[in-house]
Each structure stands twice: as C-alpha cells, then as structure tokens.
C-alpha cells in the first residue's frame, strides 16, 4: 500500500514539475520571439525613407509607410492578423499590442527646445524606462503580449523594446 501511495505521489509531483517547466519554457520562447521579431520589424520600419529628402542628404522617414512596414513585419513573423490578434497556427494566444512607435529623423523637432534635433540625441522615455543615445536617425518601438499558457496558470506580460538607428 505504501508503495502505491509513493508511486501516486511521485507521479503527481512529476506532473506538477513538468507543468511548471512547460510554462517557464513558453515564457522563454515568447521572450525570444518578441525580441528577435521586434528587431526585424523596427528595421523594416526604418527602410521607409523619403527619397527626395535622401537625395538632399537628409534622412526623413515616411511615417505612414514605416508604420505599415512595421505592422506587416510583425504580422508575417509572429503569425498575426492585421489587428495583431494571433492566427490559428500562431504560437501566441493573445493579441500583440504596439505600445510605442516613434521616429527620430532630420525633420524631428525637439519637444523641449522647439528646434530640430541634432545627433547624437539623448532619447528618454520615462513610461517605458528607455534611455538611449541615438547616434543618427532612428525608430523606437515597444510591443507587449501575454505569454501563452498551455497548462494551468496565468501568462505573464512580456514587453520588449527595440531601437534601430542609422549611424553616420
């Protein structure tokens, strides 16, 4: 009898540990996917340059095209619909949220001075705790998603930030 109880206890303990391990692995995979594909999406957004301004020697983003490039890149790599909800075959179970998408280029006005910014430019965002020195025109993005749960428990919120810049 005691052998059967020990066996049942060990099976229950094993199941609990495996569930915990699976959830931790899911969190790590979510973290990796978000960082890697956010970096690619920010790069894709930074490709939307105004050719006329570029011919004059200025880097200026066409922001509506850049935003669409960003969204399309996230959709492709993370398997999402246009509203950033997951497709049926996506790893994710909840929609991805774009929390921040900002552009800094040769046409950007510094909110503190009212003058065009010059590079290097110290970017500071208190809400997302980002401080970075932009050495050239760039794109800053933050996305967020709930980590999927295939077993019991609530997923954790994974938030990732990325900065892409043209350095001269």
N, C-alpha and C. Protein backbone atom coordinates (compact mmCIF):
# COMPACT_ATOMS: atom_id res chain seq x y z
N UNK A 1 0.82 -1.19 0.00
CA UNK A 1 0.00 0.00 0.00
C UNK A 1 0.86 1.26 0.00
N UNK A 2 1.89 1.29 0.86
CA UNK A 2 2.73 2.48 0.92
C UNK A 2 3.49 2.68 -0.39
N UNK A 3 3.82 1.62 -1.09
CA UNK A 3 4.50 1.74 -2.37
C UNK A 3 3.57 2.38 -3.40
N UNK A 4 2.30 2.02 -3.39
CA UNK A 4 1.33 2.61 -4.31
C UNK A 4 1.15 4.11 -4.02
N UNK A 5 1.07 4.48 -2.75
CA UNK A 5 0.92 5.89 -2.37
C UNK A 5 2.15 6.69 -2.80
N UNK A 6 3.33 6.12 -2.58
CA UNK A 6 4.56 6.78 -3.01
C UNK A 6 4.57 6.96 -4.53
N UNK A 7 4.14 5.92 -5.23
CA UNK A 7 4.10 5.99 -6.69
C UNK A 7 3.14 7.07 -7.18
N UNK A 8 1.96 7.15 -6.57
CA UNK A 8 0.98 8.19 -6.94
C UNK A 8 1.54 9.57 -6.61
N UNK A 9 2.16 9.71 -5.46
CA UNK A 9 2.74 11.00 -5.06
C UNK A 9 3.83 11.43 -6.04
N UNK A 10 4.70 10.50 -6.42
CA UNK A 10 5.77 10.83 -7.36
C UNK A 10 5.22 11.20 -8.74
N UNK A 11 4.18 10.51 -9.18
CA UNK A 11 3.56 10.85 -10.47
C UNK A 11 2.95 12.25 -10.42
N UNK A 12 2.28 12.57 -9.32
CA UNK A 12 1.68 13.91 -9.17
C UNK A 12 2.77 14.97 -9.11
N UNK A 13 3.83 14.70 -8.39
CA UNK A 13 4.95 15.63 -8.30
C UNK A 13 5.59 15.83 -9.67
N UNK A 14 5.79 14.76 -10.40
CA UNK A 14 6.35 14.84 -11.75
C UNK A 14 5.46 15.68 -12.66
N UNK A 15 4.15 15.46 -12.61
CA UNK A 15 3.21 16.21 -13.45
C UNK A 15 3.26 17.70 -13.10
N UNK A 16 3.34 18.02 -11.82
CA UNK A 16 3.42 19.42 -11.39
C UNK A 16 4.69 20.09 -11.87
N UNK A 17 5.79 19.40 -11.74
CA UNK A 17 7.09 19.95 -12.16
C UNK A 17 7.11 20.13 -13.68
N UNK A 18 6.58 19.17 -14.42
CA UNK A 18 6.56 19.28 -15.88
C UNK A 18 5.67 20.43 -16.34
N UNK A 19 4.54 20.64 -15.65
CA UNK A 19 3.67 21.77 -15.99
C UNK A 19 4.40 23.08 -15.75
N UNK A 20 5.05 23.20 -14.62
CA UNK A 20 5.82 24.40 -14.31
C UNK A 20 6.93 24.61 -15.33
N UNK A 21 7.65 23.55 -15.66
CA UNK A 21 8.74 23.64 -16.63
C UNK A 21 8.21 24.06 -18.01
N UNK A 22 7.08 23.52 -18.42
CA UNK A 22 6.49 23.86 -19.72
C UNK A 22 6.12 25.33 -19.76
N UNK A 23 5.52 25.84 -18.68
CA UNK A 23 5.15 27.25 -18.63
C UNK A 23 6.38 28.15 -18.65
N UNK A 24 7.43 27.78 -17.97
CA UNK A 24 8.66 28.57 -17.97
C UNK A 24 9.27 28.56 -19.38
N UNK A 25 9.27 27.41 -20.02
CA UNK A 25 9.80 27.32 -21.38
C UNK A 25 8.99 28.16 -22.35
N UNK A 26 7.68 28.21 -22.17
CA UNK A 26 6.82 29.04 -23.00
C UNK A 26 7.15 30.52 -22.81
N UNK A 27 7.39 30.93 -21.57
CA UNK A 27 7.78 32.31 -21.30
C UNK A 27 9.10 32.66 -21.98
N UNK A 28 10.06 31.76 -21.91
CA UNK A 28 11.36 32.00 -22.54
C UNK A 28 11.23 32.07 -24.07
N UNK A 29 10.41 31.21 -24.65
CA UNK A 29 10.21 31.23 -26.10
C UNK A 29 9.52 32.52 -26.52
N UNK A 30 8.51 32.94 -25.76
CA UNK A 30 7.81 34.20 -26.04
C UNK A 30 8.80 35.36 -26.01
N UNK A 31 9.62 35.40 -25.00
CA UNK A 31 10.63 36.45 -24.85
C UNK A 31 11.56 36.49 -26.06
N UNK A 32 12.01 35.34 -26.49
CA UNK A 32 12.93 35.25 -27.63
C UNK A 32 12.24 35.69 -28.92
N UNK A 33 11.04 35.19 -29.18
CA UNK A 33 10.30 35.57 -30.40
C UNK A 33 10.06 37.08 -30.43
N UNK A 34 9.63 37.61 -29.31
CA UNK A 34 9.29 39.04 -29.27
C UNK A 34 10.53 39.89 -29.58
N UNK A 35 11.65 39.59 -28.97
CA UNK A 35 12.85 40.39 -29.17
C UNK A 35 13.37 40.26 -30.61
N UNK A 36 13.49 39.03 -31.09
CA UNK A 36 14.03 38.82 -32.43
C UNK A 36 13.17 39.47 -33.50
N UNK A 37 11.87 39.24 -33.43
CA UNK A 37 11.00 39.74 -34.49
C UNK A 37 10.67 41.22 -34.34
N UNK A 38 10.77 41.74 -33.14
CA UNK A 38 10.65 43.19 -32.97
C UNK A 38 11.85 43.89 -33.61
N UNK A 39 13.04 43.35 -33.42
CA UNK A 39 14.23 43.93 -34.05
C UNK A 39 14.08 43.97 -35.57
N UNK A 40 13.55 42.90 -36.15
CA UNK A 40 13.35 42.86 -37.59
C UNK A 40 12.29 43.88 -38.02
N UNK A 41 11.20 43.97 -37.26
CA UNK A 41 10.11 44.90 -37.61
C UNK A 41 10.57 46.35 -37.53
N UNK A 42 11.38 46.68 -36.55
CA UNK A 42 11.88 48.05 -36.42
C UNK A 42 12.82 48.37 -37.59
N UNK A 43 13.62 47.40 -37.98
CA UNK A 43 14.47 47.58 -39.16
C UNK A 43 13.62 47.81 -40.40
N UNK A 44 12.56 47.01 -40.56
CA UNK A 44 11.69 47.16 -41.73
C UNK A 44 11.01 48.52 -41.74
N UNK A 45 10.65 49.03 -40.57
CA UNK A 45 10.05 50.36 -40.50
C UNK A 45 11.05 51.43 -40.92
N UNK A 46 12.30 51.23 -40.55
CA UNK A 46 13.34 52.22 -40.85
C UNK A 46 13.71 52.27 -42.33
N UNK A 47 13.21 51.33 -43.11
CA UNK A 47 13.50 51.33 -44.55
C UNK A 47 12.62 52.30 -45.33
N UNK A 48 11.58 52.81 -44.70
CA UNK A 48 10.64 53.72 -45.38
C UNK A 48 11.19 55.14 -45.34
N UNK A 49 12.07 55.44 -46.27
CA UNK A 49 12.71 56.76 -46.32
C UNK A 49 12.12 57.60 -47.45
N UNK A 50 12.10 58.90 -47.24
CA UNK A 50 11.66 59.84 -48.27
C UNK A 50 12.82 60.02 -49.25
N UNK A 51 12.65 59.52 -50.47
CA UNK A 51 13.73 59.54 -51.47
C UNK A 51 14.15 60.96 -51.84
N UNK A 52 13.19 61.86 -51.88
CA UNK A 52 13.52 63.25 -52.24
C UNK A 52 14.41 63.89 -51.18
N UNK A 53 14.05 63.69 -49.91
CA UNK A 53 14.88 64.23 -48.82
C UNK A 53 16.24 63.53 -48.78
N UNK A 54 16.25 62.25 -49.06
CA UNK A 54 17.50 61.50 -49.06
C UNK A 54 18.44 62.03 -50.14
N UNK A 55 17.88 62.42 -51.29
CA UNK A 55 18.73 62.97 -52.36
C UNK A 55 19.34 64.31 -51.97
N UNK A 56 18.74 64.98 -50.99
CA UNK A 56 19.29 66.25 -50.47
C UNK A 56 20.24 66.03 -49.30
N UNK A 57 20.39 64.76 -48.89
CA UNK A 57 21.30 64.44 -47.80
C UNK A 57 20.63 64.35 -46.44
N UNK A 58 19.30 64.32 -46.41
CA UNK A 58 18.58 64.22 -45.15
C UNK A 58 17.87 62.88 -45.04
N UNK A 59 17.91 62.31 -43.84
CA UNK A 59 17.18 61.06 -43.59
C UNK A 59 15.86 61.44 -42.94
N UNK A 60 14.76 61.22 -43.69
CA UNK A 60 13.42 61.53 -43.20
C UNK A 60 12.55 60.32 -43.49
N UNK A 61 11.87 59.83 -42.46
CA UNK A 61 11.00 58.66 -42.61
C UNK A 61 9.65 59.06 -43.17
N UNK A 62 9.10 58.24 -44.05
CA UNK A 62 7.71 58.37 -44.48
C UNK A 62 6.93 57.55 -43.45
N UNK A 63 6.38 58.24 -42.44
CA UNK A 63 5.91 57.54 -41.26
C UNK A 63 4.73 56.61 -41.49
N UNK A 64 3.79 56.97 -42.37
CA UNK A 64 2.66 56.06 -42.59
C UNK A 64 3.13 54.77 -43.27
N UNK A 65 4.08 54.87 -44.18
CA UNK A 65 4.65 53.68 -44.82
C UNK A 65 5.46 52.89 -43.81
N UNK A 66 6.22 53.58 -42.97
CA UNK A 66 7.04 52.91 -41.95
C UNK A 66 6.15 52.16 -40.96
N UNK A 67 5.05 52.78 -40.55
CA UNK A 67 4.13 52.11 -39.62
C UNK A 67 3.53 50.86 -40.25
N UNK A 68 3.18 50.95 -41.53
CA UNK A 68 2.63 49.78 -42.23
C UNK A 68 3.69 48.70 -42.38
N UNK A 69 4.93 49.07 -42.71
CA UNK A 69 6.03 48.09 -42.78
C UNK A 69 6.20 47.38 -41.44
N UNK A 70 6.14 48.15 -40.37
CA UNK A 70 6.29 47.61 -39.02
C UNK A 70 5.20 46.58 -38.73
N UNK A 71 3.96 46.97 -38.98
CA UNK A 71 2.82 46.08 -38.72
C UNK A 71 2.90 44.82 -39.59
N UNK A 72 3.20 44.98 -40.87
CA UNK A 72 3.27 43.83 -41.78
C UNK A 72 4.38 42.87 -41.36
N UNK A 73 5.49 43.40 -40.91
CA UNK A 73 6.59 42.56 -40.45
C UNK A 73 6.19 41.75 -39.22
N UNK A 74 5.54 42.41 -38.26
CA UNK A 74 5.06 41.69 -37.08
C UNK A 74 4.05 40.62 -37.48
N UNK A 75 3.15 40.97 -38.38
CA UNK A 75 2.13 40.02 -38.83
C UNK A 75 2.77 38.78 -39.45
N UNK A 76 3.74 39.00 -40.31
CA UNK A 76 4.38 37.88 -41.01
C UNK A 76 5.16 36.99 -40.05
N UNK A 77 6.01 37.58 -39.24
CA UNK A 77 6.91 36.79 -38.40
C UNK A 77 6.24 36.17 -37.19
N UNK A 78 5.26 36.86 -36.62
CA UNK A 78 4.59 36.33 -35.42
C UNK A 78 3.28 35.63 -35.74
N UNK A 79 2.92 35.54 -37.03
CA UNK A 79 1.69 34.87 -37.47
C UNK A 79 0.46 35.53 -36.83
N UNK A 80 0.24 36.81 -37.23
CA UNK A 80 -0.84 37.61 -36.67
C UNK A 80 -1.76 38.12 -37.77
N UNK A 81 -3.01 38.43 -37.40
CA UNK A 81 -3.94 39.12 -38.28
C UNK A 81 -3.58 40.60 -38.32
N UNK A 82 -4.29 41.36 -39.17
CA UNK A 82 -4.00 42.79 -39.29
C UNK A 82 -4.21 43.53 -37.96
N UNK A 83 -5.19 43.07 -37.16
CA UNK A 83 -5.43 43.71 -35.86
C UNK A 83 -4.48 43.18 -34.78
N UNK A 84 -3.48 42.41 -35.21
CA UNK A 84 -2.43 41.82 -34.37
C UNK A 84 -2.94 40.75 -33.42
N UNK A 85 -4.12 40.22 -33.70
CA UNK A 85 -4.60 39.04 -32.98
C UNK A 85 -3.94 37.82 -33.64
N UNK A 86 -3.72 36.75 -32.88
CA UNK A 86 -2.98 35.61 -33.44
C UNK A 86 -3.80 34.83 -34.47
N UNK A 87 -3.12 34.36 -35.51
CA UNK A 87 -3.73 33.42 -36.45
C UNK A 87 -3.89 32.07 -35.76
N UNK A 88 -4.63 31.20 -36.38
CA UNK A 88 -4.90 29.90 -35.78
C UNK A 88 -3.63 29.10 -35.51
N UNK A 89 -2.63 29.23 -36.41
CA UNK A 89 -1.40 28.47 -36.25
C UNK A 89 -0.28 29.26 -35.56
N UNK A 90 -0.63 30.38 -34.93
CA UNK A 90 0.36 31.21 -34.24
C UNK A 90 0.75 30.58 -32.91
N UNK A 91 1.96 30.86 -32.49
CA UNK A 91 2.42 30.45 -31.16
C UNK A 91 1.63 31.17 -30.07
N UNK A 92 1.20 32.39 -30.36
CA UNK A 92 0.55 33.23 -29.36
C UNK A 92 -0.94 32.92 -29.24
N UNK A 93 -1.50 33.26 -28.09
CA UNK A 93 -2.92 33.08 -27.83
C UNK A 93 -3.64 34.41 -27.67
N UNK A 94 -2.91 35.47 -27.37
CA UNK A 94 -3.48 36.80 -27.15
C UNK A 94 -2.91 37.79 -28.17
N UNK A 95 -3.63 38.89 -28.41
CA UNK A 95 -3.13 39.88 -29.38
C UNK A 95 -1.84 40.55 -28.90
N UNK A 96 -1.01 40.91 -29.86
CA UNK A 96 0.19 41.69 -29.59
C UNK A 96 -0.23 43.16 -29.62
N UNK A 97 0.27 43.95 -28.70
CA UNK A 97 -0.05 45.37 -28.65
C UNK A 97 1.18 46.20 -28.99
N UNK A 98 1.01 47.17 -29.87
CA UNK A 98 2.07 48.13 -30.15
C UNK A 98 1.90 49.25 -29.14
N UNK A 99 2.79 49.33 -28.19
CA UNK A 99 2.70 50.33 -27.14
C UNK A 99 3.35 51.65 -27.53
N UNK A 100 4.38 51.58 -28.36
CA UNK A 100 5.12 52.79 -28.73
C UNK A 100 5.78 52.57 -30.08
N UNK A 101 5.67 53.57 -30.94
CA UNK A 101 6.39 53.57 -32.21
C UNK A 101 6.71 55.02 -32.52
N UNK A 102 7.98 55.39 -32.36
CA UNK A 102 8.40 56.78 -32.55
C UNK A 102 9.53 56.84 -33.57
N UNK A 103 9.54 57.95 -34.30
CA UNK A 103 10.54 58.18 -35.35
C UNK A 103 11.34 59.43 -35.03
N UNK A 104 12.65 59.33 -35.19
CA UNK A 104 13.54 60.46 -34.98
C UNK A 104 14.40 60.60 -36.23
N UNK A 105 14.21 61.70 -36.94
CA UNK A 105 14.94 61.90 -38.18
C UNK A 105 15.36 63.36 -38.31
N UNK A 106 15.84 63.73 -39.47
CA UNK A 106 16.33 65.09 -39.67
C UNK A 106 15.21 66.13 -39.67
N UNK A 107 13.94 65.69 -39.67
CA UNK A 107 12.81 66.63 -39.64
C UNK A 107 12.14 66.67 -38.26
N UNK A 108 12.66 65.93 -37.29
CA UNK A 108 12.05 65.86 -35.96
C UNK A 108 12.38 67.10 -35.14
N UNK A 109 11.36 67.64 -34.50
CA UNK A 109 11.52 68.81 -33.63
C UNK A 109 11.63 68.34 -32.18
N UNK A 110 12.62 68.83 -31.48
CA UNK A 110 12.81 68.52 -30.07
C UNK A 110 11.68 69.15 -29.27
N UNK A 111 10.91 68.37 -28.51
CA UNK A 111 9.78 68.92 -27.77
C UNK A 111 10.19 69.90 -26.66
N UNK A 112 11.41 69.79 -26.19
CA UNK A 112 11.86 70.68 -25.11
C UNK A 112 12.34 72.03 -25.63
N UNK A 113 13.01 72.03 -26.79
CA UNK A 113 13.60 73.28 -27.28
C UNK A 113 12.81 73.90 -28.44
N UNK A 114 12.00 73.08 -29.13
CA UNK A 114 11.29 73.57 -30.30
C UNK A 114 12.17 73.68 -31.53
N UNK A 115 13.39 73.23 -31.44
CA UNK A 115 14.35 73.26 -32.54
C UNK A 115 14.48 71.86 -33.13
N UNK A 116 14.94 71.77 -34.38
CA UNK A 116 15.21 70.43 -34.92
C UNK A 116 16.26 69.72 -34.08
N UNK A 117 16.08 68.42 -33.90
CA UNK A 117 17.05 67.68 -33.09
C UNK A 117 18.34 67.51 -33.86
N UNK A 118 19.42 67.35 -33.12
CA UNK A 118 20.71 67.05 -33.73
C UNK A 118 21.23 65.76 -33.10
N UNK A 119 22.03 65.07 -33.84
CA UNK A 119 22.56 63.79 -33.37
C UNK A 119 24.01 63.96 -32.98
N UNK A 120 24.45 63.33 -31.92
CA UNK A 120 23.73 62.37 -31.09
C UNK A 120 22.63 63.05 -30.27
N UNK A 121 21.53 62.30 -30.12
CA UNK A 121 20.34 62.79 -29.41
C UNK A 121 20.05 61.83 -28.27
N UNK A 122 19.88 62.36 -27.06
CA UNK A 122 19.57 61.50 -25.91
C UNK A 122 18.06 61.32 -25.86
N UNK A 123 17.63 60.09 -26.14
CA UNK A 123 16.22 59.74 -26.09
C UNK A 123 15.89 59.24 -24.70
N UNK A 124 14.80 59.78 -24.15
CA UNK A 124 14.40 59.42 -22.79
C UNK A 124 12.89 59.21 -22.78
N UNK A 125 12.46 58.03 -22.33
CA UNK A 125 11.04 57.74 -22.19
C UNK A 125 10.82 57.16 -20.81
N UNK A 126 10.22 57.95 -19.94
CA UNK A 126 10.02 57.51 -18.55
C UNK A 126 9.01 56.39 -18.43
N UNK A 127 7.95 56.43 -19.24
CA UNK A 127 6.89 55.42 -19.13
C UNK A 127 7.43 54.01 -19.33
N UNK A 128 8.31 53.84 -20.32
CA UNK A 128 8.85 52.51 -20.62
C UNK A 128 10.30 52.36 -20.16
N UNK A 129 10.79 53.35 -19.43
CA UNK A 129 12.12 53.32 -18.84
C UNK A 129 13.20 53.07 -19.90
N UNK A 130 13.14 53.87 -20.96
CA UNK A 130 14.12 53.76 -22.03
C UNK A 130 14.98 55.02 -22.02
N UNK A 131 16.27 54.82 -21.98
CA UNK A 131 17.23 55.91 -22.16
C UNK A 131 18.25 55.38 -23.16
N UNK A 132 18.40 56.09 -24.27
CA UNK A 132 19.33 55.65 -25.30
C UNK A 132 19.88 56.87 -26.01
N UNK A 133 21.10 56.76 -26.46
CA UNK A 133 21.70 57.82 -27.25
C UNK A 133 21.58 57.42 -28.71
N UNK A 134 20.76 58.18 -29.45
CA UNK A 134 20.61 57.93 -30.88
C UNK A 134 21.75 58.64 -31.60
N UNK A 135 22.58 57.89 -32.27
CA UNK A 135 23.72 58.46 -32.97
C UNK A 135 23.37 58.88 -34.39
N UNK A 136 22.12 58.64 -34.77
CA UNK A 136 21.62 59.03 -36.08
C UNK A 136 20.12 58.82 -36.10
N UNK A 137 19.48 59.15 -37.21
CA UNK A 137 18.03 58.96 -37.30
C UNK A 137 17.64 57.53 -36.96
N UNK A 138 16.52 57.38 -36.26
CA UNK A 138 16.15 56.04 -35.82
C UNK A 138 14.68 55.87 -35.52
N UNK A 139 14.34 54.63 -35.20
CA UNK A 139 12.98 54.23 -34.87
C UNK A 139 13.04 53.55 -33.51
N UNK A 140 12.08 53.90 -32.63
CA UNK A 140 11.98 53.29 -31.31
C UNK A 140 10.61 52.63 -31.22
N UNK A 141 10.58 51.38 -30.77
CA UNK A 141 9.30 50.66 -30.67
C UNK A 141 9.24 49.84 -29.39
N UNK A 142 8.02 49.69 -28.88
CA UNK A 142 7.75 48.84 -27.73
C UNK A 142 6.50 48.03 -28.06
N UNK A 143 6.57 46.70 -27.88
CA UNK A 143 5.40 45.86 -28.05
C UNK A 143 5.21 45.01 -26.80
N UNK A 144 3.99 44.49 -26.65
CA UNK A 144 3.66 43.75 -25.44
C UNK A 144 2.68 42.64 -25.79
N UNK A 145 2.79 41.50 -25.09
CA UNK A 145 1.86 40.38 -25.27
C UNK A 145 1.83 39.55 -23.99
N UNK A 146 0.73 38.84 -23.80
CA UNK A 146 0.64 37.87 -22.71
C UNK A 146 1.29 36.58 -23.19
N UNK A 147 2.16 36.03 -22.38
CA UNK A 147 2.78 34.75 -22.71
C UNK A 147 1.71 33.67 -22.72
N UNK A 148 1.71 32.78 -23.73
CA UNK A 148 0.69 31.73 -23.79
C UNK A 148 0.81 30.76 -22.62
N UNK A 149 -0.31 30.16 -22.29
CA UNK A 149 -0.35 29.11 -21.27
C UNK A 149 -1.07 27.91 -21.84
N UNK A 150 -0.39 26.79 -21.89
CA UNK A 150 -0.99 25.56 -22.38
C UNK A 150 -1.45 24.70 -21.22
N UNK A 151 -1.01 25.04 -20.04
CA UNK A 151 -1.45 24.37 -18.83
C UNK A 151 -1.99 25.42 -17.89
N UNK A 152 -2.32 25.02 -16.72
CA UNK A 152 -2.91 25.89 -15.73
C UNK A 152 -1.99 27.06 -15.38
N UNK A 153 -2.58 28.18 -15.04
CA UNK A 153 -1.82 29.35 -14.65
C UNK A 153 -2.06 30.50 -15.60
N UNK A 154 -1.72 31.68 -15.14
CA UNK A 154 -1.88 32.86 -15.97
C UNK A 154 -0.55 33.21 -16.61
N UNK A 155 -0.61 33.61 -17.86
CA UNK A 155 0.60 34.02 -18.57
C UNK A 155 1.13 35.33 -18.02
N UNK A 156 2.40 35.53 -18.20
CA UNK A 156 2.99 36.79 -17.77
C UNK A 156 3.05 37.75 -18.95
N UNK A 157 3.01 39.03 -18.66
CA UNK A 157 3.11 40.04 -19.70
C UNK A 157 4.56 40.20 -20.09
N UNK A 158 4.82 40.03 -21.39
CA UNK A 158 6.17 40.19 -21.92
C UNK A 158 6.18 41.50 -22.71
N UNK A 159 7.04 42.41 -22.34
CA UNK A 159 7.19 43.70 -23.04
C UNK A 159 8.62 43.80 -23.53
N UNK A 160 8.75 44.17 -24.80
CA UNK A 160 10.07 44.31 -25.40
C UNK A 160 10.18 45.65 -26.10
N UNK A 161 11.37 46.22 -26.05
CA UNK A 161 11.67 47.49 -26.72
C UNK A 161 12.84 47.26 -27.68
N UNK A 162 12.84 48.06 -28.74
CA UNK A 162 13.93 47.97 -29.71
C UNK A 162 14.17 49.35 -30.32
N UNK A 163 15.43 49.62 -30.61
CA UNK A 163 15.82 50.87 -31.27
C UNK A 163 16.66 50.51 -32.48
N UNK A 164 16.29 51.09 -33.62
CA UNK A 164 17.10 50.93 -34.83
C UNK A 164 17.52 52.31 -35.27
N UNK A 165 18.78 52.48 -35.60
CA UNK A 165 19.26 53.80 -35.98
C UNK A 165 20.23 53.72 -37.14
N UNK A 166 20.24 54.78 -37.93
CA UNK A 166 21.24 54.95 -38.98
C UNK A 166 22.39 55.72 -38.36
N UNK A 167 23.55 55.12 -38.30
CA UNK A 167 24.70 55.77 -37.70
C UNK A 167 25.61 56.28 -38.80
N UNK A 168 25.98 57.54 -38.69
CA UNK A 168 26.86 58.15 -39.68
C UNK A 168 28.22 58.43 -39.08
